[in-house]
Amino acid sequence: MDKLKRVLGGRDEEEEGIMTQISDSTSLSFSTRVKCFAVCFVVGIVLSILGTVMLFFQKWAVFAVLYTLGNITALASTCFLMGPCSQLKKMFAETRIFATIIVFIMMALTLCAGLWWKIAALALVFCALQFVAMAWYSLSYIPFARDAVKKCAGSCMGE
């Protein structure tokens, strides 16, 4: 509770009581958080796979929605591990804010191409870019992974 007081800058007793209730009602044990993460992550993967299967049936709008919802669900699964506020802080940290913004832009463009513009080829392009953006975003959590990918890509291109 002392840590919460420092973060919030000191509150009166009524506000502290409300904050304690919120904190107590949302706290989960470590094993429960890991289980929720796993379930949420698997649901995200399944949604993305179902979306990809819809390509074979030429259901472009369903594909765009399921694939994007799958990525959002998989991304949200990490909230169970570190908490939603901590997750948002990390997502918009200086080292990954650009990657986070690109991921959300690609998600929005995938949905627009599939639902409103109804241009299948564009939905596929945005989906591929969404995948690359998610991969780049994910690499930001692994120390030196982005640098390794850059060096590998540079050496493959003959630089």
N, C-alpha and C. Protein backbone atom coordinates (compact mmCIF):
# COMPACT_ATOMS: atom_id res chain seq x y z
N MET A 1 0.82 -1.20 0.00
CA MET A 1 0.00 0.00 0.00
C MET A 1 0.86 1.26 0.00
N ASP A 2 2.02 1.17 0.66
CA ASP A 2 2.92 2.33 0.69
C ASP A 2 3.40 2.67 -0.72
N LYS A 3 3.69 1.64 -1.50
CA LYS A 3 4.13 1.87 -2.88
C LYS A 3 3.02 2.56 -3.67
N LEU A 4 1.78 2.14 -3.46
CA LEU A 4 0.65 2.75 -4.13
C LEU A 4 0.52 4.21 -3.73
N LYS A 5 0.73 4.50 -2.46
CA LYS A 5 0.66 5.89 -1.98
C LYS A 5 1.71 6.75 -2.68
N ARG A 6 2.92 6.20 -2.80
CA ARG A 6 3.97 6.97 -3.45
C ARG A 6 3.64 7.23 -4.91
N VAL A 7 3.10 6.22 -5.59
CA VAL A 7 2.77 6.38 -7.01
C VAL A 7 1.66 7.39 -7.19
N LEU A 8 0.66 7.32 -6.32
CA LEU A 8 -0.49 8.22 -6.44
C LEU A 8 -0.25 9.58 -5.81
N GLY A 9 0.82 9.73 -5.08
CA GLY A 9 1.12 11.01 -4.48
C GLY A 9 0.33 11.30 -3.23
N GLY A 10 -0.12 10.30 -2.55
CA GLY A 10 -0.86 10.48 -1.29
C GLY A 10 -2.31 10.82 -1.55
N ARG A 11 -3.21 10.10 -0.97
CA ARG A 11 -4.65 10.31 -1.15
C ARG A 11 -5.31 10.30 0.22
N ASP A 12 -6.54 10.82 0.26
CA ASP A 12 -7.25 10.76 1.54
C ASP A 12 -7.74 9.34 1.79
N GLU A 13 -8.29 9.10 2.99
CA GLU A 13 -8.65 7.73 3.39
C GLU A 13 -9.71 7.12 2.48
N GLU A 14 -10.69 7.93 2.04
CA GLU A 14 -11.73 7.39 1.18
C GLU A 14 -11.15 6.92 -0.15
N GLU A 15 -10.27 7.73 -0.74
CA GLU A 15 -9.65 7.34 -2.00
C GLU A 15 -8.77 6.12 -1.81
N GLU A 16 -8.06 6.04 -0.67
CA GLU A 16 -7.21 4.88 -0.40
C GLU A 16 -8.05 3.62 -0.29
N GLY A 17 -9.23 3.73 0.32
CA GLY A 17 -10.12 2.58 0.44
C GLY A 17 -10.57 2.09 -0.91
N ILE A 18 -10.90 3.01 -1.81
CA ILE A 18 -11.33 2.64 -3.16
C ILE A 18 -10.17 1.98 -3.90
N MET A 19 -8.97 2.56 -3.77
CA MET A 19 -7.81 1.98 -4.46
C MET A 19 -7.49 0.59 -3.91
N THR A 20 -7.65 0.39 -2.63
CA THR A 20 -7.40 -0.92 -2.04
C THR A 20 -8.40 -1.93 -2.57
N GLN A 21 -9.68 -1.53 -2.68
CA GLN A 21 -10.70 -2.43 -3.20
C GLN A 21 -10.40 -2.81 -4.64
N ILE A 22 -10.00 -1.83 -5.46
CA ILE A 22 -9.67 -2.13 -6.85
C ILE A 22 -8.48 -3.05 -6.92
N SER A 23 -7.45 -2.75 -6.13
CA SER A 23 -6.24 -3.57 -6.13
C SER A 23 -6.53 -4.98 -5.66
N ASP A 24 -7.33 -5.12 -4.61
CA ASP A 24 -7.64 -6.45 -4.09
C ASP A 24 -8.52 -7.24 -5.05
N SER A 25 -9.42 -6.56 -5.75
CA SER A 25 -10.33 -7.29 -6.63
C SER A 25 -9.65 -7.72 -7.93
N THR A 26 -8.54 -7.11 -8.29
CA THR A 26 -7.89 -7.46 -9.55
C THR A 26 -6.62 -8.26 -9.36
N SER A 27 -6.22 -8.51 -8.13
CA SER A 27 -4.98 -9.26 -7.94
C SER A 27 -5.23 -10.75 -8.13
N LEU A 28 -4.33 -11.37 -8.88
CA LEU A 28 -4.42 -12.79 -9.16
C LEU A 28 -3.12 -13.45 -8.72
N SER A 29 -3.19 -14.70 -8.36
CA SER A 29 -1.97 -15.41 -8.01
C SER A 29 -1.12 -15.59 -9.27
N PHE A 30 0.16 -15.87 -9.07
CA PHE A 30 1.06 -16.03 -10.20
C PHE A 30 0.60 -17.17 -11.11
N SER A 31 0.21 -18.28 -10.53
CA SER A 31 -0.21 -19.43 -11.35
C SER A 31 -1.48 -19.10 -12.14
N THR A 32 -2.39 -18.35 -11.54
CA THR A 32 -3.61 -17.95 -12.23
C THR A 32 -3.28 -17.01 -13.38
N ARG A 33 -2.36 -16.08 -13.14
CA ARG A 33 -1.96 -15.14 -14.21
C ARG A 33 -1.33 -15.89 -15.37
N VAL A 34 -0.49 -16.88 -15.07
CA VAL A 34 0.16 -17.65 -16.13
C VAL A 34 -0.88 -18.45 -16.91
N LYS A 35 -1.83 -19.05 -16.21
CA LYS A 35 -2.89 -19.81 -16.89
C LYS A 35 -3.74 -18.90 -17.77
N CYS A 36 -4.11 -17.73 -17.26
CA CYS A 36 -4.91 -16.79 -18.04
C CYS A 36 -4.13 -16.30 -19.26
N PHE A 37 -2.84 -16.03 -19.07
CA PHE A 37 -1.99 -15.65 -20.19
C PHE A 37 -2.01 -16.72 -21.26
N ALA A 38 -1.79 -17.98 -20.85
CA ALA A 38 -1.72 -19.09 -21.80
C ALA A 38 -3.03 -19.25 -22.55
N VAL A 39 -4.15 -19.20 -21.84
CA VAL A 39 -5.46 -19.35 -22.48
C VAL A 39 -5.70 -18.21 -23.46
N CYS A 40 -5.45 -16.99 -23.03
CA CYS A 40 -5.67 -15.82 -23.89
C CYS A 40 -4.77 -15.87 -25.12
N PHE A 41 -3.51 -16.26 -24.93
CA PHE A 41 -2.56 -16.34 -26.03
C PHE A 41 -2.99 -17.41 -27.03
N VAL A 42 -3.40 -18.57 -26.53
CA VAL A 42 -3.85 -19.67 -27.41
C VAL A 42 -5.11 -19.25 -28.16
N VAL A 43 -6.04 -18.58 -27.49
CA VAL A 43 -7.24 -18.09 -28.17
C VAL A 43 -6.85 -17.13 -29.30
N GLY A 44 -5.88 -16.27 -29.04
CA GLY A 44 -5.41 -15.34 -30.07
C GLY A 44 -4.82 -16.07 -31.26
N ILE A 45 -4.02 -17.09 -30.99
CA ILE A 45 -3.41 -17.87 -32.07
C ILE A 45 -4.51 -18.59 -32.87
N VAL A 46 -5.47 -19.18 -32.16
CA VAL A 46 -6.56 -19.90 -32.83
C VAL A 46 -7.37 -18.95 -33.72
N LEU A 47 -7.66 -17.76 -33.22
CA LEU A 47 -8.40 -16.78 -34.02
C LEU A 47 -7.62 -16.41 -35.28
N SER A 48 -6.31 -16.21 -35.13
CA SER A 48 -5.49 -15.87 -36.29
C SER A 48 -5.46 -17.02 -37.31
N ILE A 49 -5.37 -18.24 -36.82
CA ILE A 49 -5.37 -19.40 -37.72
C ILE A 49 -6.72 -19.54 -38.41
N LEU A 50 -7.81 -19.36 -37.65
CA LEU A 50 -9.14 -19.42 -38.27
C LEU A 50 -9.29 -18.34 -39.33
N GLY A 51 -8.75 -17.16 -39.03
CA GLY A 51 -8.78 -16.08 -40.02
C GLY A 51 -8.03 -16.47 -41.29
N THR A 52 -6.87 -17.10 -41.12
CA THR A 52 -6.08 -17.54 -42.27
C THR A 52 -6.82 -18.61 -43.07
N VAL A 53 -7.53 -19.50 -42.38
CA VAL A 53 -8.32 -20.52 -43.07
C VAL A 53 -9.40 -19.88 -43.93
N MET A 54 -9.93 -18.75 -43.48
CA MET A 54 -10.98 -18.06 -44.25
C MET A 54 -10.48 -17.57 -45.60
N LEU A 55 -9.15 -17.46 -45.75
CA LEU A 55 -8.60 -17.08 -47.06
C LEU A 55 -8.96 -18.11 -48.12
N PHE A 56 -8.96 -19.38 -47.74
CA PHE A 56 -9.26 -20.44 -48.70
C PHE A 56 -10.72 -20.42 -49.15
N PHE A 57 -11.58 -19.80 -48.34
CA PHE A 57 -12.99 -19.68 -48.69
C PHE A 57 -13.31 -18.29 -49.25
N GLN A 58 -12.26 -17.50 -49.43
CA GLN A 58 -12.37 -16.13 -49.96
C GLN A 58 -13.33 -15.27 -49.15
N LYS A 59 -13.29 -15.42 -47.84
CA LYS A 59 -14.07 -14.59 -46.93
C LYS A 59 -13.14 -13.50 -46.40
N TRP A 60 -12.92 -12.48 -47.18
CA TRP A 60 -11.90 -11.47 -46.89
C TRP A 60 -12.20 -10.68 -45.63
N ALA A 61 -13.43 -10.29 -45.44
CA ALA A 61 -13.79 -9.51 -44.26
C ALA A 61 -13.62 -10.35 -43.00
N VAL A 62 -14.08 -11.59 -43.04
CA VAL A 62 -13.93 -12.49 -41.89
C VAL A 62 -12.46 -12.72 -41.59
N PHE A 63 -11.67 -12.91 -42.65
CA PHE A 63 -10.24 -13.08 -42.51
C PHE A 63 -9.62 -11.89 -41.79
N ALA A 64 -9.91 -10.69 -42.26
CA ALA A 64 -9.32 -9.48 -41.68
C ALA A 64 -9.70 -9.32 -40.21
N VAL A 65 -10.96 -9.56 -39.90
CA VAL A 65 -11.44 -9.41 -38.53
C VAL A 65 -10.82 -10.46 -37.61
N LEU A 66 -10.88 -11.74 -38.01
CA LEU A 66 -10.35 -12.81 -37.15
C LEU A 66 -8.84 -12.69 -36.96
N TYR A 67 -8.13 -12.39 -38.03
CA TYR A 67 -6.67 -12.29 -37.92
C TYR A 67 -6.29 -11.13 -36.99
N THR A 68 -6.94 -10.00 -37.15
CA THR A 68 -6.63 -8.84 -36.31
C THR A 68 -7.07 -9.07 -34.87
N LEU A 69 -8.25 -9.64 -34.66
CA LEU A 69 -8.68 -9.96 -33.29
C LEU A 69 -7.74 -10.96 -32.63
N GLY A 70 -7.24 -11.89 -33.41
CA GLY A 70 -6.27 -12.84 -32.88
C GLY A 70 -5.01 -12.15 -32.39
N ASN A 71 -4.51 -11.21 -33.18
CA ASN A 71 -3.31 -10.46 -32.77
C ASN A 71 -3.58 -9.59 -31.55
N ILE A 72 -4.74 -8.97 -31.50
CA ILE A 72 -5.08 -8.14 -30.35
C ILE A 72 -5.19 -9.00 -29.09
N THR A 73 -5.83 -10.16 -29.22
CA THR A 73 -5.98 -11.06 -28.07
C THR A 73 -4.63 -11.58 -27.60
N ALA A 74 -3.78 -11.97 -28.53
CA ALA A 74 -2.44 -12.45 -28.15
C ALA A 74 -1.64 -11.33 -27.50
N LEU A 75 -1.76 -10.12 -28.01
CA LEU A 75 -1.06 -8.97 -27.43
C LEU A 75 -1.61 -8.66 -26.04
N ALA A 76 -2.92 -8.75 -25.87
CA ALA A 76 -3.55 -8.47 -24.58
C ALA A 76 -3.24 -9.54 -23.54
N SER A 77 -2.87 -10.72 -23.99
CA SER A 77 -2.59 -11.80 -23.04
C SER A 77 -1.45 -11.44 -22.09
N THR A 78 -0.52 -10.62 -22.55
CA THR A 78 0.59 -10.24 -21.68
C THR A 78 0.16 -9.35 -20.53
N CYS A 79 -1.02 -8.78 -20.62
CA CYS A 79 -1.55 -7.98 -19.50
C CYS A 79 -1.72 -8.84 -18.25
N PHE A 80 -1.98 -10.13 -18.44
CA PHE A 80 -2.13 -11.03 -17.29
C PHE A 80 -0.79 -11.22 -16.58
N LEU A 81 0.29 -11.18 -17.33
CA LEU A 81 1.60 -11.40 -16.72
C LEU A 81 2.11 -10.19 -15.97
N MET A 82 1.96 -9.00 -16.56
CA MET A 82 2.54 -7.82 -15.95
C MET A 82 1.53 -6.77 -15.52
N GLY A 83 0.28 -6.99 -15.79
CA GLY A 83 -0.75 -6.03 -15.45
C GLY A 83 -0.97 -5.06 -16.59
N PRO A 84 -2.20 -4.57 -16.76
CA PRO A 84 -2.51 -3.71 -17.90
C PRO A 84 -1.76 -2.38 -17.89
N CYS A 85 -1.62 -1.76 -16.73
CA CYS A 85 -0.92 -0.47 -16.68
C CYS A 85 0.55 -0.64 -17.03
N SER A 86 1.18 -1.64 -16.47
CA SER A 86 2.58 -1.90 -16.76
C SER A 86 2.76 -2.25 -18.24
N GLN A 87 1.83 -3.03 -18.78
CA GLN A 87 1.90 -3.40 -20.20
C GLN A 87 1.81 -2.16 -21.07
N LEU A 88 0.88 -1.27 -20.77
CA LEU A 88 0.74 -0.05 -21.57
C LEU A 88 1.98 0.82 -21.47
N LYS A 89 2.55 0.93 -20.28
CA LYS A 89 3.78 1.71 -20.11
C LYS A 89 4.90 1.13 -20.96
N LYS A 90 5.01 -0.20 -20.96
CA LYS A 90 6.07 -0.84 -21.74
C LYS A 90 5.80 -0.73 -23.24
N MET A 91 4.54 -0.83 -23.64
CA MET A 91 4.22 -0.71 -25.06
C MET A 91 4.58 0.66 -25.61
N PHE A 92 4.37 1.68 -24.79
CA PHE A 92 4.61 3.04 -25.26
C PHE A 92 5.91 3.64 -24.71
N ALA A 93 6.82 2.75 -24.28
CA ALA A 93 8.15 3.20 -23.86
C ALA A 93 8.88 3.71 -25.09
N GLU A 94 9.88 4.52 -24.86
CA GLU A 94 10.62 5.17 -25.94
C GLU A 94 11.20 4.15 -26.94
N THR A 95 11.63 3.00 -26.44
CA THR A 95 12.27 2.01 -27.31
C THR A 95 11.30 1.29 -28.24
N ARG A 96 10.00 1.29 -27.93
CA ARG A 96 9.07 0.55 -28.78
C ARG A 96 7.82 1.31 -29.17
N ILE A 97 7.76 2.61 -28.92
CA ILE A 97 6.55 3.36 -29.27
C ILE A 97 6.30 3.34 -30.77
N PHE A 98 7.36 3.47 -31.56
CA PHE A 98 7.20 3.46 -33.02
C PHE A 98 6.64 2.12 -33.48
N ALA A 99 7.18 1.02 -32.97
CA ALA A 99 6.70 -0.31 -33.34
C ALA A 99 5.24 -0.50 -32.91
N THR A 100 4.89 -0.03 -31.72
CA THR A 100 3.52 -0.15 -31.23
C THR A 100 2.55 0.60 -32.13
N ILE A 101 2.90 1.81 -32.50
CA ILE A 101 2.03 2.61 -33.36
C ILE A 101 1.86 1.95 -34.72
N ILE A 102 2.95 1.43 -35.28
CA ILE A 102 2.87 0.76 -36.58
C ILE A 102 1.97 -0.48 -36.49
N VAL A 103 2.08 -1.25 -35.40
CA VAL A 103 1.23 -2.43 -35.22
C VAL A 103 -0.25 -2.01 -35.26
N PHE A 104 -0.60 -0.98 -34.50
CA PHE A 104 -1.99 -0.55 -34.45
C PHE A 104 -2.46 0.03 -35.78
N ILE A 105 -1.59 0.74 -36.48
CA ILE A 105 -1.94 1.27 -37.80
C ILE A 105 -2.21 0.12 -38.78
N MET A 106 -1.33 -0.89 -38.75
CA MET A 106 -1.52 -2.03 -39.66
C MET A 106 -2.79 -2.81 -39.32
N MET A 107 -3.12 -2.91 -38.04
CA MET A 107 -4.37 -3.57 -37.65
C MET A 107 -5.56 -2.79 -38.21
N ALA A 108 -5.53 -1.48 -38.05
CA ALA A 108 -6.62 -0.64 -38.54
C ALA A 108 -6.73 -0.72 -40.06
N LEU A 109 -5.61 -0.68 -40.76
CA LEU A 109 -5.63 -0.76 -42.22
C LEU A 109 -6.10 -2.13 -42.71
N THR A 110 -5.73 -3.19 -42.00
CA THR A 110 -6.21 -4.54 -42.36
C THR A 110 -7.73 -4.59 -42.26
N LEU A 111 -8.26 -4.04 -41.16
CA LEU A 111 -9.72 -4.02 -40.99
C LEU A 111 -10.39 -3.16 -42.05
N CYS A 112 -9.82 -2.00 -42.34
CA CYS A 112 -10.40 -1.12 -43.36
C CYS A 112 -10.42 -1.81 -44.72
N ALA A 113 -9.30 -2.44 -45.09
CA ALA A 113 -9.22 -3.11 -46.40
C ALA A 113 -10.20 -4.27 -46.49
N GLY A 114 -10.39 -4.99 -45.39
CA GLY A 114 -11.28 -6.15 -45.42
C GLY A 114 -12.76 -5.82 -45.27
N LEU A 115 -13.06 -4.83 -44.42
CA LEU A 115 -14.46 -4.54 -44.12
C LEU A 115 -15.07 -3.43 -44.98
N TRP A 116 -14.36 -2.34 -45.17
CA TRP A 116 -14.95 -1.19 -45.84
C TRP A 116 -14.54 -1.09 -47.29
N TRP A 117 -13.24 -1.20 -47.58
CA TRP A 117 -12.78 -1.06 -48.95
C TRP A 117 -13.02 -2.33 -49.75
N LYS A 118 -13.07 -3.47 -49.07
CA LYS A 118 -13.31 -4.78 -49.68
C LYS A 118 -12.33 -5.07 -50.83
N ILE A 119 -11.06 -4.78 -50.56
CA ILE A 119 -10.00 -5.06 -51.53
C ILE A 119 -9.14 -6.17 -50.94
N ALA A 120 -9.34 -7.38 -51.44
CA ALA A 120 -8.70 -8.57 -50.87
C ALA A 120 -7.18 -8.49 -50.91
N ALA A 121 -6.62 -8.08 -52.03
CA ALA A 121 -5.15 -8.02 -52.14
C ALA A 121 -4.57 -7.03 -51.13
N LEU A 122 -5.25 -5.93 -50.93
CA LEU A 122 -4.78 -4.94 -49.97
C LEU A 122 -4.89 -5.48 -48.54
N ALA A 123 -5.95 -6.22 -48.26
CA ALA A 123 -6.10 -6.83 -46.94
C ALA A 123 -4.95 -7.81 -46.68
N LEU A 124 -4.56 -8.57 -47.70
CA LEU A 124 -3.44 -9.49 -47.56
C LEU A 124 -2.13 -8.75 -47.32
N VAL A 125 -1.92 -7.67 -48.05
CA VAL A 125 -0.69 -6.88 -47.88
C VAL A 125 -0.63 -6.31 -46.46
N PHE A 126 -1.73 -5.73 -46.01
CA PHE A 126 -1.75 -5.15 -44.66
C PHE A 126 -1.61 -6.23 -43.59
N CYS A 127 -2.15 -7.42 -43.86
CA CYS A 127 -2.01 -8.52 -42.93
C CYS A 127 -0.55 -8.93 -42.82
N ALA A 128 0.14 -9.01 -43.95
CA ALA A 128 1.57 -9.35 -43.94
C ALA A 128 2.36 -8.28 -43.20
N LEU A 129 2.03 -7.02 -43.45
CA LEU A 129 2.71 -5.92 -42.75
C LEU A 129 2.39 -5.94 -41.25
N GLN A 130 1.18 -6.33 -40.92
CA GLN A 130 0.79 -6.48 -39.51
C GLN A 130 1.64 -7.56 -38.84
N PHE A 131 1.86 -8.66 -39.55
CA PHE A 131 2.69 -9.74 -39.02
C PHE A 131 4.12 -9.26 -38.80
N VAL A 132 4.68 -8.56 -39.77
CA VAL A 132 6.05 -8.05 -39.64
C VAL A 132 6.13 -7.04 -38.50
N ALA A 133 5.14 -6.17 -38.39
CA ALA A 133 5.13 -5.17 -37.32
C ALA A 133 5.04 -5.84 -35.95
N MET A 134 4.21 -6.88 -35.84
CA MET A 134 4.11 -7.62 -34.57
C MET A 134 5.42 -8.31 -34.23
N ALA A 135 6.08 -8.87 -35.23
CA ALA A 135 7.37 -9.53 -35.00
C ALA A 135 8.41 -8.51 -34.53
N TRP A 136 8.46 -7.35 -35.18
CA TRP A 136 9.42 -6.31 -34.79
C TRP A 136 9.11 -5.81 -33.38
N TYR A 137 7.84 -5.62 -33.07
CA TYR A 137 7.42 -5.22 -31.73
C TYR A 137 7.86 -6.27 -30.71
N SER A 138 7.61 -7.54 -31.00
CA SER A 138 7.97 -8.62 -30.07
C SER A 138 9.47 -8.69 -29.85
N LEU A 139 10.25 -8.45 -30.89
CA LEU A 139 11.71 -8.47 -30.76
C LEU A 139 12.21 -7.39 -29.80
N SER A 140 11.43 -6.35 -29.61
CA SER A 140 11.87 -5.27 -28.73
C SER A 140 11.95 -5.71 -27.27
N TYR A 141 11.33 -6.82 -26.93
CA TYR A 141 11.38 -7.33 -25.57
C TYR A 141 12.58 -8.25 -25.33
N ILE A 142 13.28 -8.61 -26.37
CA ILE A 142 14.45 -9.48 -26.26
C ILE A 142 15.69 -8.60 -26.42
N PRO A 143 16.55 -8.56 -25.40
CA PRO A 143 17.74 -7.69 -25.48
C PRO A 143 18.59 -7.99 -26.73
N PHE A 144 18.93 -6.97 -27.44
CA PHE A 144 19.80 -7.00 -28.63
C PHE A 144 19.22 -7.77 -29.81
N ALA A 145 17.97 -8.20 -29.74
CA ALA A 145 17.38 -8.98 -30.84
C ALA A 145 17.21 -8.13 -32.09
N ARG A 146 16.78 -6.90 -31.93
CA ARG A 146 16.60 -6.03 -33.10
C ARG A 146 17.94 -5.78 -33.78
N ASP A 147 18.97 -5.54 -32.99
CA ASP A 147 20.30 -5.32 -33.56
C ASP A 147 20.77 -6.54 -34.33
N ALA A 148 20.52 -7.73 -33.78
CA ALA A 148 20.92 -8.97 -34.45
C ALA A 148 20.17 -9.12 -35.78
N VAL A 149 18.88 -8.81 -35.80
CA VAL A 149 18.09 -8.91 -37.03
C VAL A 149 18.60 -7.90 -38.05
N LYS A 150 18.90 -6.69 -37.61
CA LYS A 150 19.42 -5.68 -38.52
C LYS A 150 20.75 -6.12 -39.13
N LYS A 151 21.65 -6.66 -38.30
CA LYS A 151 22.94 -7.11 -38.81
C LYS A 151 22.78 -8.28 -39.78
N CYS A 152 21.89 -9.20 -39.44
CA CYS A 152 21.64 -10.35 -40.31
C CYS A 152 21.07 -9.90 -41.64
N ALA A 153 20.10 -9.00 -41.61
CA ALA A 153 19.51 -8.49 -42.84
C ALA A 153 20.54 -7.72 -43.66
N GLY A 154 21.38 -6.96 -42.98
CA GLY A 154 22.44 -6.22 -43.67
C GLY A 154 23.43 -7.14 -44.34
N SER A 155 23.80 -8.21 -43.67
CA SER A 155 24.76 -9.15 -44.27
C SER A 155 24.14 -9.93 -45.42
N CYS A 156 22.83 -10.20 -45.33
CA CYS A 156 22.15 -10.89 -46.41
C CYS A 156 22.04 -10.01 -47.66
N MET A 157 21.99 -8.70 -47.45
CA MET A 157 21.88 -7.77 -48.57
C MET A 157 23.24 -7.30 -49.06
N GLY A 158 24.29 -7.84 -48.47
CA GLY A 158 25.63 -7.55 -48.94
C GLY A 158 26.23 -6.26 -48.41
N GLU A 159 25.73 -5.77 -47.31
CA GLU A 159 26.28 -4.53 -46.74
C GLU A 159 27.44 -4.82 -45.82
